[in-house]
Amino acid sequence: MAIIQGAITILLFIFILCALVVIHELGHFVLARFFGIRVHEFGIGFPPRAKVMRDRGETIYTLNWLPIGGFVRLEGEDGDSDDPRSFAVAALPKKEAVLPAGVGLHLVLAFLIVPGPAWRPPPTPDGVVAGRGGGG
């Protein structure tokens, strides 16, 4: 039984970590697209590539073999692109917004999750949540 619980704990850890990474990368992705910066790939996990989920438009969405992590590949993120829609030639305020966007989305998520338990009514002494009991 302890082995099963340990395996479930490990799987939950990997799932939650992947979810947090996807949310983080989604922050970069959304703001880059909002500012018109070309996004080549949005990948869940690290390569090698296991499957291309969608390949329409200029962005491909991939699922990769190594389950921990993720990435967004922007045009010119390495600084050597002359494309007018590249990260390298984007205005400084746009770059300064795209880079911390992943952390910003984590903050939004925290403000949505943390107050959640406080919004629930407290349980009564008999264990029934107030306002959800049977007719009376």
C-alpha atoms as a PDB file:
ATOM      1  CA  MET A   1       0.000   0.000   0.000  1.00  0.00           C
ATOM      2  CA  ALA A   2       2.863   2.403   0.792  1.00  0.00           C
ATOM      3  CA  ILE A   3       4.321   1.798  -2.680  1.00  0.00           C
ATOM      4  CA  ILE A   4       1.036   2.761  -4.328  1.00  0.00           C
ATOM      5  CA  GLN A   5       0.752   5.885  -2.183  1.00  0.00           C
ATOM      6  CA  GLY A   6       4.327   6.816  -3.060  1.00  0.00           C
ATOM      7  CA  ALA A   7       3.663   6.320  -6.776  1.00  0.00           C
ATOM      8  CA  ILE A   8       0.508   8.431  -6.575  1.00  0.00           C
ATOM      9  CA  THR A   9       2.431  11.161  -4.745  1.00  0.00           C
ATOM     10  CA  ILE A  10       5.136  11.180  -7.423  1.00  0.00           C
ATOM     11  CA  LEU A  11       2.560  11.300 -10.229  1.00  0.00           C
ATOM     12  CA  LEU A  12       0.683  14.144  -8.530  1.00  0.00           C
ATOM     13  CA  PHE A  13       3.939  16.044  -8.060  1.00  0.00           C
ATOM     14  CA  ILE A  14       4.792  15.689 -11.762  1.00  0.00           C
ATOM     15  CA  PHE A  15       1.250  16.701 -12.780  1.00  0.00           C
ATOM     16  CA  ILE A  16       1.227  19.804 -10.558  1.00  0.00           C
ATOM     17  CA  LEU A  17       4.734  20.815 -11.628  1.00  0.00           C
ATOM     18  CA  CYS A  18       3.813  20.451 -15.298  1.00  0.00           C
ATOM     19  CA  ALA A  19       0.631  22.472 -14.745  1.00  0.00           C
ATOM     20  CA  LEU A  20       2.611  25.263 -13.091  1.00  0.00           C
ATOM     21  CA  VAL A  21       5.169  25.294 -15.895  1.00  0.00           C
ATOM     22  CA  VAL A  22       2.453  25.369 -18.572  1.00  0.00           C
ATOM     23  CA  ILE A  23       0.761  28.289 -16.790  1.00  0.00           C
ATOM     24  CA  HIS A  24       4.102  30.091 -16.555  1.00  0.00           C
ATOM     25  CA  GLU A  25       4.887  29.596 -20.238  1.00  0.00           C
ATOM     26  CA  LEU A  26       1.331  30.558 -21.147  1.00  0.00           C
ATOM     27  CA  GLY A  27       2.003  33.964 -19.597  1.00  0.00           C
ATOM     28  CA  HIS A  28       4.976  34.523 -21.921  1.00  0.00           C
ATOM     29  CA  PHE A  29       3.032  33.147 -24.894  1.00  0.00           C
ATOM     30  CA  VAL A  30      -0.096  35.277 -24.448  1.00  0.00           C
ATOM     31  CA  LEU A  31       1.784  38.535 -23.961  1.00  0.00           C
ATOM     32  CA  ALA A  32       4.170  37.847 -26.852  1.00  0.00           C
ATOM     33  CA  ARG A  33       1.220  37.188 -29.147  1.00  0.00           C
ATOM     34  CA  PHE A  34      -0.572  40.278 -27.783  1.00  0.00           C
ATOM     35  CA  PHE A  35       2.429  42.442 -28.701  1.00  0.00           C
ATOM     36  CA  GLY A  36       2.749  40.834 -32.146  1.00  0.00           C
ATOM     37  CA  ILE A  37       5.955  38.933 -31.444  1.00  0.00           C
ATOM     38  CA  ARG A  38       6.198  35.788 -33.560  1.00  0.00           C
ATOM     39  CA  VAL A  39       5.967  32.559 -31.535  1.00  0.00           C
ATOM     40  CA  HIS A  40       7.379  29.505 -33.314  1.00  0.00           C
ATOM     41  CA  GLU A  41       6.546  26.817 -30.760  1.00  0.00           C
ATOM     42  CA  PHE A  42       4.686  26.277 -27.506  1.00  0.00           C
ATOM     43  CA  GLY A  43       5.945  23.030 -26.012  1.00  0.00           C
ATOM     44  CA  ILE A  44       4.812  21.040 -22.995  1.00  0.00           C
ATOM     45  CA  GLY A  45       7.706  18.979 -21.671  1.00  0.00           C
ATOM     46  CA  PHE A  46      11.226  19.014 -23.044  1.00  0.00           C
ATOM     47  CA  PRO A  47      12.268  17.562 -26.418  1.00  0.00           C
ATOM     48  CA  PRO A  48      12.557  15.148 -28.091  1.00  0.00           C
ATOM     49  CA  ARG A  49       9.134  15.826 -29.563  1.00  0.00           C
ATOM     50  CA  ALA A  50       6.534  13.127 -28.987  1.00  0.00           C
ATOM     51  CA  LYS A  51       3.592  14.648 -30.830  1.00  0.00           C
ATOM     52  CA  VAL A  52       2.589  17.793 -32.657  1.00  0.00           C
ATOM     53  CA  MET A  53      -0.770  18.718 -31.164  1.00  0.00           C
ATOM     54  CA  ARG A  54      -1.576  21.490 -33.634  1.00  0.00           C
ATOM     55  CA  ASP A  55       0.293  22.844 -36.633  1.00  0.00           C
ATOM     56  CA  ARG A  56      -1.898  25.574 -38.087  1.00  0.00           C
ATOM     57  CA  GLY A  57      -0.723  29.132 -38.443  1.00  0.00           C
ATOM     58  CA  GLU A  58       2.724  30.249 -37.408  1.00  0.00           C
ATOM     59  CA  THR A  59       2.838  28.482 -34.028  1.00  0.00           C
ATOM     60  CA  ILE A  60       3.125  24.748 -33.500  1.00  0.00           C
ATOM     61  CA  TYR A  61       1.930  23.229 -30.240  1.00  0.00           C
ATOM     62  CA  THR A  62       3.914  20.189 -29.163  1.00  0.00           C
ATOM     63  CA  LEU A  63       3.902  17.512 -26.502  1.00  0.00           C
ATOM     64  CA  ASN A  64       7.420  16.338 -25.687  1.00  0.00           C
ATOM     65  CA  TRP A  65       8.846  13.215 -24.049  1.00  0.00           C
ATOM     66  CA  LEU A  66      10.418  14.655 -20.894  1.00  0.00           C
ATOM     67  CA  PRO A  67       7.394  15.537 -18.749  1.00  0.00           C
ATOM     68  CA  ILE A  68       8.920  18.149 -16.452  1.00  0.00           C
ATOM     69  CA  GLY A  69       9.086  21.558 -18.028  1.00  0.00           C
ATOM     70  CA  GLY A  70       7.938  23.413 -21.061  1.00  0.00           C
ATOM     71  CA  PHE A  71       8.986  26.264 -23.301  1.00  0.00           C
ATOM     72  CA  VAL A  72       7.922  29.005 -25.676  1.00  0.00           C
ATOM     73  CA  ARG A  73      10.240  29.565 -28.638  1.00  0.00           C
ATOM     74  CA  LEU A  74      10.062  33.177 -29.813  1.00  0.00           C
ATOM     75  CA  GLU A  75      11.481  34.542 -33.031  1.00  0.00           C
ATOM     76  CA  GLY A  76      14.754  36.293 -32.229  1.00  0.00           C
ATOM     77  CA  GLU A  77      14.934  35.300 -28.565  1.00  0.00           C
ATOM     78  CA  ASP A  78      18.634  34.578 -29.048  1.00  0.00           C
ATOM     79  CA  GLY A  79      19.148  38.118 -30.381  1.00  0.00           C
ATOM     80  CA  ASP A  80      19.999  37.426 -34.002  1.00  0.00           C
ATOM     81  CA  SER A  81      16.891  38.129 -36.071  1.00  0.00           C
ATOM     82  CA  ASP A  82      16.020  40.974 -38.407  1.00  0.00           C
ATOM     83  CA  ASP A  83      12.350  39.973 -38.590  1.00  0.00           C
ATOM     84  CA  PRO A  84      10.226  43.005 -37.648  1.00  0.00           C
ATOM     85  CA  ARG A  85       8.091  40.720 -35.463  1.00  0.00           C
ATOM     86  CA  SER A  86      11.018  39.235 -33.551  1.00  0.00           C
ATOM     87  CA  PHE A  87      11.704  39.579 -29.860  1.00  0.00           C
ATOM     88  CA  ALA A  88      15.148  40.965 -30.691  1.00  0.00           C
ATOM     89  CA  VAL A  89      13.787  44.060 -32.428  1.00  0.00           C
ATOM     90  CA  ALA A  90      10.752  44.571 -30.182  1.00  0.00           C
ATOM     91  CA  ALA A  91      10.617  47.793 -28.187  1.00  0.00           C
ATOM     92  CA  LEU A  92      12.131  47.643 -24.721  1.00  0.00           C
ATOM     93  CA  PRO A  93       8.770  48.059 -22.898  1.00  0.00           C
ATOM     94  CA  LYS A  94       7.400  45.039 -24.790  1.00  0.00           C
ATOM     95  CA  LYS A  95      10.431  42.939 -23.843  1.00  0.00           C
ATOM     96  CA  GLU A  96      10.127  44.080 -20.230  1.00  0.00           C
ATOM     97  CA  ALA A  97       6.491  42.980 -20.231  1.00  0.00           C
ATOM     98  CA  VAL A  98       6.970  39.593 -21.937  1.00  0.00           C
ATOM     99  CA  LEU A  99       9.848  38.413 -19.738  1.00  0.00           C
ATOM    100  CA  PRO A 100       8.064  38.624 -16.342  1.00  0.00           C
ATOM    101  CA  ALA A 101       4.671  37.611 -17.770  1.00  0.00           C
ATOM    102  CA  GLY A 102       5.098  34.010 -16.592  1.00  0.00           C
ATOM    103  CA  VAL A 103       5.603  35.076 -13.000  1.00  0.00           C
ATOM    104  CA  GLY A 104       2.741  37.541 -13.375  1.00  0.00           C
ATOM    105  CA  LEU A 105       0.381  34.737 -14.366  1.00  0.00           C
ATOM    106  CA  HIS A 106       1.503  32.786 -11.293  1.00  0.00           C
ATOM    107  CA  LEU A 107       0.554  35.781  -9.153  1.00  0.00           C
ATOM    108  CA  VAL A 108      -2.884  35.917 -10.778  1.00  0.00           C
ATOM    109  CA  LEU A 109      -3.284  32.192 -10.124  1.00  0.00           C
ATOM    110  CA  ALA A 110      -2.274  32.642  -6.485  1.00  0.00           C
ATOM    111  CA  PHE A 111      -4.842  35.402  -6.009  1.00  0.00           C
ATOM    112  CA  LEU A 112      -7.484  33.068  -7.443  1.00  0.00           C
ATOM    113  CA  ILE A 113      -6.529  29.949  -5.476  1.00  0.00           C
ATOM    114  CA  VAL A 114      -5.507  31.197  -2.020  1.00  0.00           C
ATOM    115  CA  PRO A 115      -8.764  32.961  -1.097  1.00  0.00           C
ATOM    116  CA  GLY A 116     -10.817  29.976  -2.304  1.00  0.00           C
ATOM    117  CA  PRO A 117     -11.159  28.221   1.066  1.00  0.00           C
ATOM    118  CA  ALA A 118     -12.186  31.494   2.706  1.00  0.00           C
ATOM    119  CA  TRP A 119     -15.159  31.804   0.350  1.00  0.00           C
ATOM    120  CA  ARG A 120     -16.674  28.552   1.603  1.00  0.00           C
ATOM    121  CA  PRO A 121     -19.076  28.770   4.522  1.00  0.00           C
ATOM    122  CA  PRO A 122     -17.724  27.193   7.714  1.00  0.00           C
ATOM    123  CA  PRO A 123     -18.970  23.724   8.687  1.00  0.00           C
ATOM    124  CA  THR A 124     -21.448  23.385  11.536  1.00  0.00           C
ATOM    125  CA  PRO A 125     -20.630  21.239  14.590  1.00  0.00           C
ATOM    126  CA  ASP A 126     -22.388  18.240  13.039  1.00  0.00           C
ATOM    127  CA  GLY A 127     -20.088  18.463   9.964  1.00  0.00           C
ATOM    128  CA  VAL A 128     -22.674  19.834   7.539  1.00  0.00           C
ATOM    129  CA  VAL A 129     -21.615  22.921   5.627  1.00  0.00           C
ATOM    130  CA  ALA A 130     -23.969  25.770   6.471  1.00  0.00           C
ATOM    131  CA  GLY A 131     -26.456  26.545   3.747  1.00  0.00           C
ATOM    132  CA  ARG A 132     -26.070  23.160   2.055  1.00  0.00           C
ATOM    133  CA  GLY A 133     -28.067  20.951   4.356  1.00  0.00           C
ATOM    134  CA  GLY A 134     -31.360  19.293   3.560  1.00  0.00           C
ATOM    135  CA  GLY A 135     -34.652  21.171   3.901  1.00  0.00           C
ATOM    136  CA  GLY A 136     -35.356  21.585   7.548  1.00  0.00           C
END
